[in-house]
Amino acid sequence: MNAHTENWIKIGQLSDIPKRGARCVQNGDMTIALFRSADDRVFALEDKCPHKNGPLSQGIVHDGCVTCPLHNWVISLETGQAQGADKGETLSFPVKLDGNDILLELRRTNNGKK
């Protein structure tokens, strides 16, 4: 096992997250929101909108994005980038599925950078 694969942590199963919904996990003081799309892809973002730190996990999941419940900012689930005219980003984390198991890599990424 190399160092890269040792960073993946099993955090639950796909069935733990409703379609077009979210669940949260704690990583120290940080809350990470896990999102499940309608087509069963899973994404992980810090549970904080880049605008006013709104809880993204309570937002609406749609079309590869989540809409913040506070001020309707739309955030890409894949990159954490604000969409449209809004500017900003939230931390994103790599996620993969191993069968029904959700694996999270805790090395933070933004736009695919580690």
Protein backbone atom coordinates (compact mmCIF):
# COMPACT_ATOMS: atom_id res chain seq x y z
CA MET A 1 0.00 0.00 0.00
CA ASN A 2 1.50 3.36 -0.95
CA ALA A 3 1.18 6.65 0.96
CA HIS A 4 -1.54 7.89 -1.39
CA THR A 5 -3.92 5.00 -0.72
CA GLU A 6 -3.28 5.14 3.03
CA ASN A 7 -5.02 8.55 3.18
CA TRP A 8 -8.42 7.12 2.14
CA ILE A 9 -10.80 6.67 5.05
CA LYS A 10 -14.05 4.71 4.91
CA ILE A 11 -16.73 7.05 6.23
CA GLY A 12 -19.95 5.27 5.40
CA GLN A 13 -22.04 3.78 2.64
CA LEU A 14 -23.75 5.30 -0.35
CA SER A 15 -27.12 4.45 1.17
CA ASP A 16 -26.28 6.71 4.15
CA ILE A 17 -26.78 9.78 1.93
CA PRO A 18 -30.16 10.38 0.28
CA LYS A 19 -30.18 11.08 -3.46
CA ARG A 20 -29.78 14.84 -4.00
CA GLY A 21 -29.00 15.14 -0.29
CA ALA A 22 -26.10 15.52 2.12
CA ARG A 23 -24.63 14.17 5.33
CA CYS A 24 -21.82 15.64 7.44
CA VAL A 25 -18.69 14.24 9.07
CA GLN A 26 -16.28 15.97 11.43
CA ASN A 27 -12.56 16.32 10.81
CA GLY A 28 -11.26 18.07 13.91
CA ASP A 29 -12.93 21.49 14.03
CA MET A 30 -14.00 21.26 10.38
CA THR A 31 -17.33 19.93 9.19
CA ILE A 32 -17.22 18.20 5.80
CA ALA A 33 -20.45 17.82 3.86
CA LEU A 34 -20.85 14.76 1.64
CA PHE A 35 -23.28 15.20 -1.23
CA ARG A 36 -24.95 12.54 -3.38
CA SER A 37 -26.14 13.49 -6.83
CA ALA A 38 -29.21 12.07 -8.58
CA ASP A 39 -26.89 9.75 -10.53
CA ASP A 40 -25.14 8.47 -7.36
CA ARG A 41 -21.91 10.45 -7.63
CA VAL A 42 -20.53 11.56 -4.25
CA PHE A 43 -18.71 14.83 -3.54
CA ALA A 44 -17.18 16.36 -0.40
CA LEU A 45 -16.91 20.05 0.45
CA GLU A 46 -16.24 21.94 3.63
CA ASP A 47 -19.70 22.70 4.97
CA LYS A 48 -19.20 26.43 4.56
CA CYS A 49 -20.37 28.66 1.72
CA PRO A 50 -17.60 31.04 0.59
CA HIS A 51 -20.05 33.94 0.82
CA LYS A 52 -21.20 34.06 4.47
CA ASN A 53 -20.23 30.57 5.73
CA GLY A 54 -23.75 29.18 5.25
CA PRO A 55 -24.25 25.43 5.82
CA LEU A 56 -24.02 23.96 2.32
CA SER A 57 -25.23 20.61 3.67
CA GLN A 58 -28.65 22.21 4.16
CA GLY A 59 -28.77 23.47 0.57
CA ILE A 60 -30.44 22.10 -2.54
CA VAL A 61 -28.39 19.62 -4.63
CA HIS A 62 -28.96 19.97 -8.37
CA ASP A 63 -27.10 19.62 -11.68
CA GLY A 64 -23.67 18.99 -10.12
CA CYS A 65 -24.07 21.94 -7.73
CA VAL A 66 -25.46 22.87 -4.34
CA THR A 67 -27.35 26.08 -3.68
CA CYS A 68 -26.57 27.66 -0.31
CA PRO A 69 -29.70 28.00 1.85
CA LEU A 70 -28.76 31.48 3.11
CA HIS A 71 -28.22 33.64 0.02
CA ASN A 72 -28.69 31.26 -2.93
CA TRP A 73 -25.07 31.11 -4.01
CA VAL A 74 -24.54 28.15 -6.33
CA ILE A 75 -21.39 26.09 -5.62
CA SER A 76 -19.92 23.40 -7.89
CA LEU A 77 -19.83 20.07 -6.07
CA GLU A 78 -16.82 19.00 -8.13
CA THR A 79 -14.57 22.04 -7.61
CA GLY A 80 -16.05 24.05 -4.73
CA GLN A 81 -16.11 27.12 -7.01
CA ALA A 82 -18.96 29.63 -6.89
CA GLN A 83 -20.89 29.67 -10.16
CA GLY A 84 -22.21 32.52 -12.30
CA ALA A 85 -21.24 36.05 -11.33
CA ASP A 86 -20.37 35.08 -7.74
CA LYS A 87 -16.70 34.72 -6.81
CA GLY A 88 -15.21 32.43 -4.19
CA GLU A 89 -14.62 28.80 -3.38
CA THR A 90 -14.92 26.34 -0.56
CA LEU A 91 -12.51 23.52 0.19
CA SER A 92 -13.12 20.31 -1.69
CA PHE A 93 -11.98 16.81 -0.82
CA PRO A 94 -11.44 13.74 -3.03
CA VAL A 95 -14.10 11.05 -2.66
CA LYS A 96 -14.42 7.65 -4.27
CA LEU A 97 -16.76 4.70 -4.07
CA ASP A 98 -15.56 1.16 -3.44
CA GLY A 99 -18.73 -0.79 -4.14
CA ASN A 100 -21.21 0.83 -1.74
CA ASP A 101 -18.48 2.16 0.60
CA ILE A 102 -17.65 5.88 0.55
CA LEU A 103 -13.95 6.66 0.91
CA LEU A 104 -12.77 10.18 1.72
CA GLU A 105 -9.25 11.51 1.32
CA LEU A 106 -8.58 14.19 3.90
CA ARG A 107 -5.90 16.02 1.99
CA ARG A 108 -7.74 19.21 1.04
CA THR A 109 -7.97 20.21 -2.58
CA ASN A 110 -9.10 23.27 -4.49
CA ASN A 111 -9.57 22.97 -8.23
CA GLY A 112 -7.79 19.63 -8.22
CA LYS A 113 -4.69 21.04 -6.48
CA LYS A 114 -3.37 19.46 -3.29
